[in-house]
PDB file of N, CA and C in Angstrom:
ATOM      1  N   MET A   1     -19.283 -10.252  59.905  1.00  0.00           N
ATOM      2  CA  MET A   1     -17.852 -10.599  59.175  1.00  0.00           C
ATOM      3  C   MET A   1     -17.063  -9.865  59.704  1.00  0.00           C
ATOM      4  N   THR A   2     -15.924 -11.138  59.332  1.00  0.00           N
ATOM      5  CA  THR A   2     -14.423 -10.812  59.827  1.00  0.00           C
ATOM      6  C   THR A   2     -13.282  -9.868  58.184  1.00  0.00           C
ATOM      7  N   ARG A   3     -12.620  -9.703  58.676  1.00  0.00           N
ATOM      8  CA  ARG A   3     -12.491  -9.428  57.710  1.00  0.00           C
ATOM      9  C   ARG A   3     -11.501  -9.315  56.925  1.00  0.00           C
ATOM     10  N   ALA A   4     -11.245 -10.748  56.919  1.00  0.00           N
ATOM     11  CA  ALA A   4     -11.170 -12.606  55.993  1.00  0.00           C
ATOM     12  C   ALA A   4     -11.755 -12.455  54.707  1.00  0.00           C
ATOM     13  N   GLU A   5     -13.375 -12.278  55.564  1.00  0.00           N
ATOM     14  CA  GLU A   5     -14.108 -12.703  55.084  1.00  0.00           C
ATOM     15  C   GLU A   5     -14.812 -11.709  53.739  1.00  0.00           C
ATOM     16  N   ARG A   6     -14.150 -10.095  54.507  1.00  0.00           N
ATOM     17  CA  ARG A   6     -14.849  -9.015  53.671  1.00  0.00           C
ATOM     18  C   ARG A   6     -13.817  -8.855  52.854  1.00  0.00           C
ATOM     19  N   LEU A   7     -12.565  -9.019  52.628  1.00  0.00           N
ATOM     20  CA  LEU A   7     -11.469  -9.024  51.654  1.00  0.00           C
ATOM     21  C   LEU A   7     -11.585 -10.347  50.513  1.00  0.00           C
ATOM     22  N   ALA A   8     -11.685 -11.365  50.893  1.00  0.00           N
ATOM     23  CA  ALA A   8     -12.754 -12.336  50.492  1.00  0.00           C
ATOM     24  C   ALA A   8     -13.270 -11.905  49.147  1.00  0.00           C
ATOM     25  N   GLN A   9     -14.847 -11.430  49.761  1.00  0.00           N
ATOM     26  CA  GLN A   9     -15.335 -10.862  49.130  1.00  0.00           C
ATOM     27  C   GLN A   9     -14.992 -10.281  48.174  1.00  0.00           C
ATOM     28  N   THR A  10     -14.732  -9.399  48.256  1.00  0.00           N
ATOM     29  CA  THR A  10     -14.083  -7.882  47.592  1.00  0.00           C
ATOM     30  C   THR A  10     -13.347  -8.508  46.266  1.00  0.00           C
ATOM     31  N   GLU A  11     -12.490  -9.964  46.810  1.00  0.00           N
ATOM     32  CA  GLU A  11     -11.625 -10.922  45.471  1.00  0.00           C
ATOM     33  C   GLU A  11     -12.601 -11.492  45.045  1.00  0.00           C
ATOM     34  N   VAL A  12     -14.066 -11.678  45.464  1.00  0.00           N
ATOM     35  CA  VAL A  12     -14.592 -12.178  44.801  1.00  0.00           C
ATOM     36  C   VAL A  12     -15.242 -11.255  43.206  1.00  0.00           C
ATOM     37  N   ARG A  13     -15.905  -9.970  44.088  1.00  0.00           N
ATOM     38  CA  ARG A  13     -16.508  -9.713  43.407  1.00  0.00           C
ATOM     39  C   ARG A  13     -15.674  -8.649  42.343  1.00  0.00           C
ATOM     40  N   ALA A  14     -14.355  -8.633  42.479  1.00  0.00           N
ATOM     41  CA  ALA A  14     -13.020  -7.814  41.657  1.00  0.00           C
ATOM     42  C   ALA A  14     -12.699  -8.802  40.130  1.00  0.00           C
ATOM     43  N   ARG A  15     -12.910 -10.266  40.608  1.00  0.00           N
ATOM     44  CA  ARG A  15     -12.594 -11.389  40.020  1.00  0.00           C
ATOM     45  C   ARG A  15     -13.219 -11.100  39.002  1.00  0.00           C
ATOM     46  N   ALA A  16     -14.821 -11.191  39.113  1.00  0.00           N
ATOM     47  CA  ALA A  16     -15.924 -11.063  38.504  1.00  0.00           C
ATOM     48  C   ALA A  16     -16.177 -10.023  37.290  1.00  0.00           C
ATOM     49  N   LYS A  17     -15.368  -8.915  37.450  1.00  0.00           N
ATOM     50  CA  LYS A  17     -15.509  -7.742  36.854  1.00  0.00           C
ATOM     51  C   LYS A  17     -14.583  -8.154  36.247  1.00  0.00           C
ATOM     52  N   LEU A  18     -13.086  -8.385  36.501  1.00  0.00           N
ATOM     53  CA  LEU A  18     -12.096  -8.830  35.138  1.00  0.00           C
ATOM     54  C   LEU A  18     -12.605  -9.261  34.693  1.00  0.00           C
ATOM     55  N   ASP A  19     -13.623 -10.762  35.303  1.00  0.00           N
ATOM     56  CA  ASP A  19     -14.047 -12.028  33.975  1.00  0.00           C
ATOM     57  C   ASP A  19     -14.778 -10.983  32.799  1.00  0.00           C
ATOM     58  N   ALA A  20     -15.283  -9.988  34.001  1.00  0.00           N
ATOM     59  CA  ALA A  20     -16.889  -9.380  32.712  1.00  0.00           C
ATOM     60  C   ALA A  20     -16.092  -8.568  31.678  1.00  0.00           C
ATOM     61  N   ASP A  21     -15.059  -7.722  32.219  1.00  0.00           N
ATOM     62  CA  ASP A  21     -14.135  -6.886  30.715  1.00  0.00           C
ATOM     63  C   ASP A  21     -13.467  -7.141  30.472  1.00  0.00           C
ATOM     64  N   ARG A  22     -12.789  -8.825  30.856  1.00  0.00           N
ATOM     65  CA  ARG A  22     -12.111  -9.413  29.780  1.00  0.00           C
ATOM     66  C   ARG A  22     -13.275  -9.921  28.638  1.00  0.00           C
ATOM     67  N   THR A  23     -14.565 -10.265  28.564  1.00  0.00           N
ATOM     68  CA  THR A  23     -15.086 -10.436  27.621  1.00  0.00           C
ATOM     69  C   THR A  23     -16.092  -9.482  27.208  1.00  0.00           C
ATOM     70  N   ARG A  24     -15.979  -8.560  28.019  1.00  0.00           N
ATOM     71  CA  ARG A  24     -15.895  -7.761  26.837  1.00  0.00           C
ATOM     72  C   ARG A  24     -15.465  -7.208  25.603  1.00  0.00           C
ATOM     73  N   LEU A  25     -13.681  -6.820  26.580  1.00  0.00           N
ATOM     74  CA  LEU A  25     -12.921  -6.812  26.024  1.00  0.00           C
ATOM     75  C   LEU A  25     -12.852  -7.794  24.121  1.00  0.00           C
ATOM     76  N   LYS A  26     -12.762  -8.817  24.435  1.00  0.00           N
ATOM     77  CA  LYS A  26     -13.382  -9.655  23.157  1.00  0.00           C
ATOM     78  C   LYS A  26     -13.902  -9.688  22.475  1.00  0.00           C
ATOM     79  N   GLN A  27     -15.338  -8.843  22.876  1.00  0.00           N
ATOM     80  CA  GLN A  27     -16.637  -9.037  22.015  1.00  0.00           C
ATOM     81  C   GLN A  27     -16.529  -7.627  21.244  1.00  0.00           C
ATOM     82  N   VAL A  28     -15.419  -6.476  21.514  1.00  0.00           N
ATOM     83  CA  VAL A  28     -15.080  -5.224  21.315  1.00  0.00           C
ATOM     84  C   VAL A  28     -14.294  -5.473  20.241  1.00  0.00           C
ATOM     85  N   GLN A  29     -12.913  -6.591  21.075  1.00  0.00           N
ATOM     86  CA  GLN A  29     -12.231  -6.674  18.918  1.00  0.00           C
ATOM     87  C   GLN A  29     -12.809  -7.809  18.487  1.00  0.00           C
ATOM     88  N   ALA A  30     -13.950  -8.612  18.595  1.00  0.00           N
ATOM     89  CA  ALA A  30     -14.285  -8.776  17.586  1.00  0.00           C
ATOM     90  C   ALA A  30     -14.933  -7.971  16.436  1.00  0.00           C
ATOM     91  N   GLN A  31     -15.558  -7.396  17.454  1.00  0.00           N
ATOM     92  CA  GLN A  31     -16.079  -6.466  15.852  1.00  0.00           C
ATOM     93  C   GLN A  31     -15.250  -5.313  15.295  1.00  0.00           C
ATOM     94  N   GLN A  32     -14.182  -5.449  16.576  1.00  0.00           N
ATOM     95  CA  GLN A  32     -13.410  -3.907  15.263  1.00  0.00           C
ATOM     96  C   GLN A  32     -12.919  -4.985  14.144  1.00  0.00           C
ATOM     97  N   ARG A  33     -12.052  -6.271  14.427  1.00  0.00           N
ATOM     98  CA  ARG A  33     -11.702  -7.252  13.387  1.00  0.00           C
ATOM     99  C   ARG A  33     -13.385  -7.228  11.723  1.00  0.00           C
ATOM    100  N   ASP A  34     -13.970  -7.681  12.378  1.00  0.00           N
ATOM    101  CA  ASP A  34     -15.185  -7.942  11.492  1.00  0.00           C
ATOM    102  C   ASP A  34     -15.438  -6.475  10.695  1.00  0.00           C
ATOM    103  N   ALA A  35     -15.229  -5.082  11.433  1.00  0.00           N
ATOM    104  CA  ALA A  35     -15.208  -3.468  11.078  1.00  0.00           C
ATOM    105  C   ALA A  35     -13.993  -3.644   9.491  1.00  0.00           C
ATOM    106  N   GLU A  36     -13.245  -4.390  10.245  1.00  0.00           N
ATOM    107  CA  GLU A  36     -11.719  -3.940   9.075  1.00  0.00           C
ATOM    108  C   GLU A  36     -12.012  -5.308   8.494  1.00  0.00           C
ATOM    109  N   ARG A  37     -12.719  -6.470   8.361  1.00  0.00           N
ATOM    110  CA  ARG A  37     -12.425  -6.828   7.378  1.00  0.00           C
ATOM    111  C   ARG A  37     -13.605  -6.553   6.174  1.00  0.00           C
ATOM    112  N   GLN A  38     -14.474  -6.071   7.037  1.00  0.00           N
ATOM    113  CA  GLN A  38     -15.769  -5.582   5.907  1.00  0.00           C
ATOM    114  C   GLN A  38     -14.905  -4.154   5.627  1.00  0.00           C
ATOM    115  N   ALA A  39     -14.666  -3.560   5.398  1.00  0.00           N
ATOM    116  CA  ALA A  39     -13.479  -2.440   4.692  1.00  0.00           C
ATOM    117  C   ALA A  39     -12.451  -2.885   3.907  1.00  0.00           C
ATOM    118  N   VAL A  40     -11.990  -4.081   3.979  1.00  0.00           N
ATOM    119  CA  VAL A  40     -10.960  -4.532   3.008  1.00  0.00           C
ATOM    120  C   VAL A  40     -11.869  -5.639   2.024  1.00  0.00           C
ATOM    121  N   HIS A  41     -13.088  -5.912   2.595  1.00  0.00           N
ATOM    122  CA  HIS A  41     -13.344  -6.350   1.171  1.00  0.00           C
ATOM    123  C   HIS A  41     -14.899  -5.152   0.247  1.00  0.00           C
ATOM    124  N   ARG A  42     -15.510  -4.523   1.352  1.00  0.00           N
ATOM    125  CA  ARG A  42     -15.466  -3.081   0.317  1.00  0.00           C
ATOM    126  C   ARG A  42     -14.559  -2.468  -0.898  1.00  0.00           C
ATOM    127  N   ARG A  43     -13.036  -2.510  -0.236  1.00  0.00           N
ATOM    128  CA  ARG A  43     -12.041  -2.378  -1.287  1.00  0.00           C
ATOM    129  C   ARG A  43     -12.066  -3.363  -1.952  1.00  0.00           C
ATOM    130  N   ARG A  44     -12.101  -3.974  -2.343  1.00  0.00           N
ATOM    131  CA  ARG A  44     -11.677  -5.581  -3.139  1.00  0.00           C
ATOM    132  C   ARG A  44     -12.470  -5.464  -3.768  1.00  0.00           C
ATOM    133  N   VAL A  45     -13.812  -5.289  -3.918  1.00  0.00           N
ATOM    134  CA  VAL A  45     -14.985  -5.103  -4.316  1.00  0.00           C
ATOM    135  C   VAL A  45     -14.970  -3.440  -5.193  1.00  0.00           C
ATOM    136  N   LEU A  46     -14.023  -2.758  -4.585  1.00  0.00           N
ATOM    137  CA  LEU A  46     -14.229  -1.399  -5.768  1.00  0.00           C
ATOM    138  C   LEU A  46     -13.588  -1.575  -6.279  1.00  0.00           C
ATOM    139  N   VAL A  47     -11.925  -2.092  -6.101  1.00  0.00           N
ATOM    140  CA  VAL A  47     -11.138  -2.508  -7.723  1.00  0.00           C
ATOM    141  C   VAL A  47     -11.143  -3.145  -8.239  1.00  0.00           C
ATOM    142  N   GLY A  48     -11.933  -4.622  -7.856  1.00  0.00           N
ATOM    143  CA  GLY A  48     -12.699  -5.448  -9.249  1.00  0.00           C
ATOM    144  C   GLY A  48     -13.811  -4.291 -10.409  1.00  0.00           C
ATOM    145  N   LYS A  49     -13.853  -3.754  -9.813  1.00  0.00           N
ATOM    146  CA  LYS A  49     -15.274  -2.562 -10.294  1.00  0.00           C
ATOM    147  C   LYS A  49     -14.738  -1.711 -11.411  1.00  0.00           C
ATOM    148  N   LEU A  50     -13.401  -1.487 -10.924  1.00  0.00           N
ATOM    149  CA  LEU A  50     -12.749  -0.681 -11.942  1.00  0.00           C
ATOM    150  C   LEU A  50     -12.415  -0.831 -12.363  1.00  0.00           C
ATOM    151  N   VAL A  51     -11.158  -2.552 -12.555  1.00  0.00           N
ATOM    152  CA  VAL A  51     -10.832  -3.156 -13.432  1.00  0.00           C
ATOM    153  C   VAL A  51     -11.430  -3.850 -13.941  1.00  0.00           C
ATOM    154  N   ASP A  52     -12.795  -4.178 -13.385  1.00  0.00           N
ATOM    155  CA  ASP A  52     -14.079  -4.212 -14.880  1.00  0.00           C
ATOM    156  C   ASP A  52     -14.284  -3.051 -15.771  1.00  0.00           C
ATOM    157  N   GLU A  53     -14.355  -1.737 -14.939  1.00  0.00           N
ATOM    158  CA  GLU A  53     -14.787  -1.066 -15.916  1.00  0.00           C
ATOM    159  C   GLU A  53     -13.629  -0.392 -16.639  1.00  0.00           C
ATOM    160  N   ALA A  54     -12.774  -0.458 -16.472  1.00  0.00           N
ATOM    161  CA  ALA A  54     -11.374  -0.506 -17.577  1.00  0.00           C
ATOM    162  C   ALA A  54     -11.026  -1.501 -18.285  1.00  0.00           C
ATOM    163  N   GLY A  55     -12.133  -2.591 -18.488  1.00  0.00           N
ATOM    164  CA  GLY A  55     -11.885  -3.140 -20.101  1.00  0.00           C
ATOM    165  C   GLY A  55     -10.841  -4.209 -19.124  1.00  0.00           C
ATOM    166  N   LEU A  56      -9.443  -3.681 -18.235  1.00  0.00           N
ATOM    167  CA  LEU A  56      -8.731  -5.093 -17.764  1.00  0.00           C
ATOM    168  C   LEU A  56      -9.130  -6.798 -17.620  1.00  0.00           C
ATOM    169  N   PHE A  57     -10.581  -7.052 -17.247  1.00  0.00           N
ATOM    170  CA  PHE A  57     -11.033  -8.188 -17.136  1.00  0.00           C
ATOM    171  C   PHE A  57     -10.276  -8.646 -18.987  1.00  0.00           C
ATOM    172  N   SER A  58     -10.674  -8.254 -19.865  1.00  0.00           N
ATOM    173  CA  SER A  58     -10.421  -9.149 -20.644  1.00  0.00           C
ATOM    174  C   SER A  58      -8.910  -9.439 -21.297  1.00  0.00           C
ATOM    175  N   LEU A  59      -8.430  -8.833 -20.485  1.00  0.00           N
ATOM    176  CA  LEU A  59      -6.334 -10.548 -20.087  1.00  0.00           C
ATOM    177  C   LEU A  59      -6.544 -10.860 -19.007  1.00  0.00           C
ATOM    178  N   ASP A  60      -5.520 -11.588 -19.347  1.00  0.00           N
ATOM    179  CA  ASP A  60      -5.114 -13.373 -18.855  1.00  0.00           C
ATOM    180  C   ASP A  60      -4.278 -12.655 -17.602  1.00  0.00           C
ATOM    181  N   ASP A  61      -4.710 -13.739 -16.444  1.00  0.00           N
ATOM    182  CA  ASP A  61      -4.360 -13.302 -15.117  1.00  0.00           C
ATOM    183  C   ASP A  61      -2.816 -13.400 -15.497  1.00  0.00           C
ATOM    184  N   ALA A  62      -2.368 -13.725 -16.377  1.00  0.00           N
ATOM    185  CA  ALA A  62      -0.502 -13.496 -15.591  1.00  0.00           C
ATOM    186  C   ALA A  62      -0.039 -12.015 -16.654  1.00  0.00           C
ATOM    187  N   THR A  63      -0.731 -11.679 -17.216  1.00  0.00           N
ATOM    188  CA  THR A  63      -0.311 -10.723 -18.003  1.00  0.00           C
ATOM    189  C   THR A  63      -1.098  -9.145 -16.644  1.00  0.00           C
ATOM    190  N   LEU A  64      -2.122  -9.139 -16.395  1.00  0.00           N
ATOM    191  CA  LEU A  64      -3.355  -8.581 -15.332  1.00  0.00           C
ATOM    192  C   LEU A  64      -1.326  -8.968 -14.124  1.00  0.00           C
ATOM    193  N   ALA A  65      -0.658 -10.082 -13.708  1.00  0.00           N
ATOM    194  CA  ALA A  65      -0.209  -9.923 -11.902  1.00  0.00           C
ATOM    195  C   ALA A  65       1.038  -9.375 -12.991  1.00  0.00           C
ATOM    196  N   GLY A  66       1.426  -9.145 -13.738  1.00  0.00           N
ATOM    197  CA  GLY A  66       2.583  -8.508 -14.472  1.00  0.00           C
ATOM    198  C   GLY A  66       2.368  -6.965 -14.965  1.00  0.00           C
ATOM    199  N   LEU A  67       1.821  -6.479 -14.864  1.00  0.00           N
ATOM    200  CA  LEU A  67       1.026  -5.041 -14.964  1.00  0.00           C
ATOM    201  C   LEU A  67       0.827  -4.066 -13.327  1.00  0.00           C
ATOM    202  N   PHE A  68       0.371  -5.238 -12.550  1.00  0.00           N
ATOM    203  CA  PHE A  68      -0.125  -4.833 -11.745  1.00  0.00           C
ATOM    204  C   PHE A  68       1.376  -4.993 -10.650  1.00  0.00           C
ATOM    205  N   ALA A  69       2.652  -5.691 -10.967  1.00  0.00           N
ATOM    206  CA  ALA A  69       3.906  -6.241 -10.594  1.00  0.00           C
ATOM    207  C   ALA A  69       4.345  -4.871 -10.918  1.00  0.00           C
ATOM    208  N   ARG A  70       3.837  -4.665 -12.024  1.00  0.00           N
ATOM    209  CA  ARG A  70       5.172  -3.057 -12.832  1.00  0.00           C
ATOM    210  C   ARG A  70       4.810  -2.116 -12.051  1.00  0.00           C
ATOM    211  N   LEU A  71       3.196  -1.660 -11.680  1.00  0.00           N
ATOM    212  CA  LEU A  71       2.418  -0.935 -10.744  1.00  0.00           C
ATOM    213  C   LEU A  71       3.009  -0.149  -9.506  1.00  0.00           C
ATOM    214  N   ALA A  72       3.191  -1.175  -9.054  1.00  0.00           N
ATOM    215  CA  ALA A  72       3.523  -1.728  -7.501  1.00  0.00           C
ATOM    216  C   ALA A  72       4.638  -0.621  -6.924  1.00  0.00           C
ATOM    217  N   PRO A  73       6.050  -0.183  -7.396  1.00  0.00           N
ATOM    218  CA  PRO A  73       6.202   0.254  -7.509  1.00  0.00           C
ATOM    219  C   PRO A  73       6.454   2.217  -7.213  1.00  0.00           C
ATOM    220  N   LEU A  74       4.941   1.995  -8.081  1.00  0.00           N
ATOM    221  CA  LEU A  74       4.439   3.517  -7.819  1.00  0.00           C
ATOM    222  C   LEU A  74       3.583   3.648  -6.979  1.00  0.00           C
ATOM    223  N   VAL A  75       3.470   2.647  -5.906  1.00  0.00           N
ATOM    224  CA  VAL A  75       2.671   3.244  -4.368  1.00  0.00           C
ATOM    225  C   VAL A  75       4.067   4.055  -3.526  1.00  0.00           C
ATOM    226  N   ASP A  76       4.691   3.989  -3.711  1.00  0.00           N
ATOM    227  CA  ASP A  76       5.509   5.202  -2.733  1.00  0.00           C
ATOM    228  C   ASP A  76       6.148   5.922  -3.184  1.00  0.00           C
ATOM    229  N   ALA A  77       5.435   6.649  -4.949  1.00  0.00           N
ATOM    230  CA  ALA A  77       5.641   7.102  -4.953  1.00  0.00           C
ATOM    231  C   ALA A  77       4.718   8.562  -4.501  1.00  0.00           C
ATOM    232  N   PRO A  78       5.609  10.069  -5.040  1.00  0.00           N
ATOM    233  CA  PRO A  78       4.930  11.017  -4.414  1.00  0.00           C
ATOM    234  C   PRO A  78       3.302  11.101  -4.813  1.00  0.00           C
ATOM    235  N   ASP A  79       3.486  11.289  -6.502  1.00  0.00           N
ATOM    236  CA  ASP A  79       2.188  11.399  -6.928  1.00  0.00           C
ATOM    237  C   ASP A  79       2.224  10.337  -7.993  1.00  0.00           C
ATOM    238  N   PRO A  80       1.736   9.390  -7.868  1.00  0.00           N
ATOM    239  CA  PRO A  80       2.074   7.881  -8.759  1.00  0.00           C
ATOM    240  C   PRO A  80       1.101   8.377  -9.979  1.00  0.00           C
ATOM    241  N   VAL A  81       0.216   8.969 -10.352  1.00  0.00           N
ATOM    242  CA  VAL A  81      -1.152   9.002 -11.426  1.00  0.00           C
ATOM    243  C   VAL A  81      -0.041  10.218 -12.188  1.00  0.00           C
ATOM    244  N   ALA A  82       0.257  11.464 -11.729  1.00  0.00           N
ATOM    245  CA  ALA A  82       1.186  11.906 -12.658  1.00  0.00           C
ATOM    246  C   ALA A  82       2.467  11.275 -12.588  1.00  0.00           C
ATOM    247  N   ILE A  83       3.166  10.493 -12.180  1.00  0.00           N
ATOM    248  CA  ILE A  83       4.291   9.778 -12.832  1.00  0.00           C
ATOM    249  C   ILE A  83       4.580   8.304 -13.646  1.00  0.00           C
ATOM    250  N   LEU A  84       2.653   8.195 -13.766  1.00  0.00           N
ATOM    251  CA  LEU A  84       2.209   6.988 -15.096  1.00  0.00           C
ATOM    252  C   LEU A  84       2.126   7.219 -16.180  1.00  0.00           C
ATOM    253  N   GLU A  85       1.002   9.173 -16.122  1.00  0.00           N
ATOM    254  CA  GLU A  85       0.859   9.825 -17.234  1.00  0.00           C
ATOM    255  C   GLU A  85       2.933  10.084 -17.968  1.00  0.00           C
ATOM    256  N   GLY A  86       3.514  11.094 -17.098  1.00  0.00           N
ATOM    257  CA  GLY A  86       4.389  11.283 -17.564  1.00  0.00           C
ATOM    258  C   GLY A  86       5.239  10.000 -18.343  1.00  0.00           C
ATOM    259  N   LEU A  87       5.160   9.134 -17.869  1.00  0.00           N
ATOM    260  CA  LEU A  87       5.398   7.689 -18.754  1.00  0.00           C
ATOM    261  C   LEU A  87       4.948   7.412 -19.368  1.00  0.00           C
ATOM    262  N   LEU A  88       3.569   7.635 -19.598  1.00  0.00           N
ATOM    263  CA  LEU A  88       2.685   7.267 -20.550  1.00  0.00           C
ATOM    264  C   LEU A  88       2.040   8.141 -21.813  1.00  0.00           C
ATOM    265  N   SER A  89       2.889   9.322 -21.651  1.00  0.00           N
ATOM    266  CA  SER A  89       2.347  10.063 -22.301  1.00  0.00           C
ATOM    267  C   SER A  89       3.253   9.795 -23.930  1.00  0.00           C
ATOM    268  N   ASP A  90       1.738  10.317 -25.003  1.00  0.00           N
ATOM    269  CA  ASP A  90       2.240  10.542 -26.158  1.00  0.00           C
ATOM    270  C   ASP A  90       3.368  11.821 -26.415  1.00  0.00           C
ATOM    271  N   SER A  91       3.344  12.429 -25.756  1.00  0.00           N
ATOM    272  CA  SER A  91       4.704  13.953 -25.057  1.00  0.00           C
ATOM    273  C   SER A  91       5.904  13.520 -25.222  1.00  0.00           C
ATOM    274  N   ALA A  92       5.937  12.382 -24.101  1.00  0.00           N
ATOM    275  CA  ALA A  92       6.803  12.841 -23.577  1.00  0.00           C
ATOM    276  C   ALA A  92       8.518  12.259 -24.514  1.00  0.00           C
ATOM    277  N   SER A  93       9.543  13.469 -24.460  1.00  0.00           N
ATOM    278  CA  SER A  93      10.494  13.341 -25.526  1.00  0.00           C
ATOM    279  C   SER A  93      10.877  11.997 -25.547  1.00  0.00           C
ATOM    280  N   PRO A  94      11.488  11.676 -26.342  1.00  0.00           N
ATOM    281  CA  PRO A  94      12.164  10.325 -26.838  1.00  0.00           C
ATOM    282  C   PRO A  94      14.271  10.534 -26.292  1.00  0.00           C
ATOM    283  N   ALA A  95      14.367   8.966 -26.135  1.00  0.00           N
ATOM    284  CA  ALA A  95      15.225   8.795 -24.915  1.00  0.00           C
ATOM    285  C   ALA A  95      16.664   9.732 -25.763  1.00  0.00           C
ATOM    286  N   CYS A  96      17.021  10.108 -26.801  1.00  0.00           N
ATOM    287  CA  CYS A  96      18.260  11.036 -26.867  1.00  0.00           C
ATOM    288  C   CYS A  96      18.457  12.113 -26.537  1.00  0.00           C
ATOM    289  N   ALA A  97      17.021  12.929 -26.377  1.00  0.00           N
ATOM    290  CA  ALA A  97      16.781  14.319 -25.822  1.00  0.00           C
ATOM    291  C   ALA A  97      17.680  14.728 -24.836  1.00  0.00           C
ATOM    292  N   SER A  98      17.995  15.547 -24.549  1.00  0.00           N
ATOM    293  CA  SER A  98      18.211  15.726 -23.282  1.00  0.00           C
ATOM    294  C   SER A  98      17.262  15.945 -22.323  1.00  0.00           C
ATOM    295  N   VAL A  99      17.111  16.149 -21.068  1.00  0.00           N
ATOM    296  CA  VAL A  99      16.486  16.502 -20.142  1.00  0.00           C
ATOM    297  C   VAL A  99      16.813  17.915 -19.540  1.00  0.00           C
ATOM    298  N   PRO A 100      16.495  18.857 -18.623  1.00  0.00           N
ATOM    299  CA  PRO A 100      16.406  19.734 -18.671  1.00  0.00           C
ATOM    300  C   PRO A 100      16.631  19.561 -16.969  1.00  0.00           C
ATOM    301  N   GLY A 101      17.923  20.367 -16.446  1.00  0.00           N
ATOM    302  CA  GLY A 101      18.267  20.632 -15.246  1.00  0.00           C
ATOM    303  C   GLY A 101      19.940  19.287 -15.515  1.00  0.00           C
ATOM    304  N   TYR A 102      19.861  18.518 -16.706  1.00  0.00           N
ATOM    305  CA  TYR A 102      20.830  17.849 -16.769  1.00  0.00           C
ATOM    306  C   TYR A 102      22.174  18.102 -17.632  1.00  0.00           C
ATOM    307  N   ALA A 103      23.616  18.329 -18.007  1.00  0.00           N
ATOM    308  CA  ALA A 103      24.074  18.862 -18.710  1.00  0.00           C
ATOM    309  C   ALA A 103      24.570  17.860 -19.824  1.00  0.00           C
ATOM    310  N   GLU A 104      25.084  18.370 -20.825  1.00  0.00           N
ATOM    311  CA  GLU A 104      25.135  18.191 -22.148  1.00  0.00           C
ATOM    312  C   GLU A 104      26.121  17.187 -22.293  1.00  0.00           C
ATOM    313  N   ALA A 105      26.414  15.383 -22.747  1.00  0.00           N
ATOM    314  CA  ALA A 105      27.686  14.789 -23.173  1.00  0.00           C
ATOM    315  C   ALA A 105      28.473  16.044 -24.223  1.00  0.00           C
ATOM    316  N   ALA A 106      30.235  15.149 -22.762  1.00  0.00           N
ATOM    317  CA  ALA A 106      30.529  16.566 -24.380  1.00  0.00           C
ATOM    318  C   ALA A 106      31.176  15.779 -25.000  1.00  0.00           C
ATOM    319  N   PRO A 107      31.402  16.853 -26.428  1.00  0.00           N
ATOM    320  CA  PRO A 107      31.384  15.735 -27.921  1.00  0.00           C
ATOM    321  C   PRO A 107      33.212  14.889 -27.791  1.00  0.00           C
ATOM    322  N   ARG A 108      32.817  13.770 -27.901  1.00  0.00           N
ATOM    323  CA  ARG A 108      33.942  13.157 -28.336  1.00  0.00           C
ATOM    324  C   ARG A 108      35.301  13.026 -29.103  1.00  0.00           C
ATOM    325  N   VAL A 109      36.104  13.791 -28.838  1.00  0.00           N
ATOM    326  CA  VAL A 109      37.400  14.248 -29.220  1.00  0.00           C
ATOM    327  C   VAL A 109      38.265  12.660 -29.003  1.00  0.00           C
ATOM    328  N   ALA A 110      39.156  12.788 -30.062  1.00  0.00           N
ATOM    329  CA  ALA A 110      40.538  11.347 -29.981  1.00  0.00           C
ATOM    330  C   ALA A 110      41.462  11.948 -29.195  1.00  0.00           C
ATOM    331  N   PRO A 111      42.351  11.997 -28.536  1.00  0.00           N
ATOM    332  CA  PRO A 111      43.871  12.658 -27.582  1.00  0.00           C
ATOM    333  C   PRO A 111      44.768  12.963 -29.071  1.00  0.00           C
ATOM    334  N   ALA A 112      45.169  13.440 -28.923  1.00  0.00           N
ATOM    335  CA  ALA A 112      46.337  13.784 -29.960  1.00  0.00           C
ATOM    336  C   ALA A 112      47.651  13.540 -28.963  1.00  0.00           C
ATOM    337  N   VAL A 113      47.936  13.052 -30.792  1.00  0.00           N
ATOM    338  CA  VAL A 113      48.689  11.758 -31.104  1.00  0.00           C
ATOM    339  C   VAL A 113      50.144  12.633 -31.476  1.00  0.00           C
ATOM    340  N   PRO A 114      50.958  12.347 -30.215  1.00  0.00           N
ATOM    341  CA  PRO A 114      52.928  13.454 -30.817  1.00  0.00           C
ATOM    342  C   PRO A 114      52.955  12.601 -31.811  1.00  0.00           C
ATOM    343  N   VAL A 115      53.643  13.786 -33.109  1.00  0.00           N
ATOM    344  CA  VAL A 115      54.588  13.285 -33.967  1.00  0.00           C
ATOM    345  C   VAL A 115      55.755  13.403 -34.086  1.00  0.00           C
ATOM    346  N   GLY A 116      56.269  12.694 -34.597  1.00  0.00           N
ATOM    347  CA  GLY A 116      57.629  12.405 -34.479  1.00  0.00           C
ATOM    348  C   GLY A 116      58.382  11.198 -33.880  1.00  0.00           C
TER     349      GLY A 116
END
């Protein structure tokens, strides 16, 4: 067997191995996509159960969409549950009360009018 023939055989074996590796990679990627799809499905089912248990299924679709649109900004909050509890709390301070850490507004006094 000549050197060229050995090189040709080596190339054929390398190409076959490359094809097998590509096939295996496609299989692994398909399994990963399937696992991700299953995880998303499980999450959707869980969220749906939570919505049902909270009694939110009784609301119409437009109202639910509005609620979720209002809740969406909380996703980026450091503690969304605490923020929402604060917003919905019965003991929340009225809008005109002072907030700790903020200065009170100065009383409004009419400017002096020159006499004369």
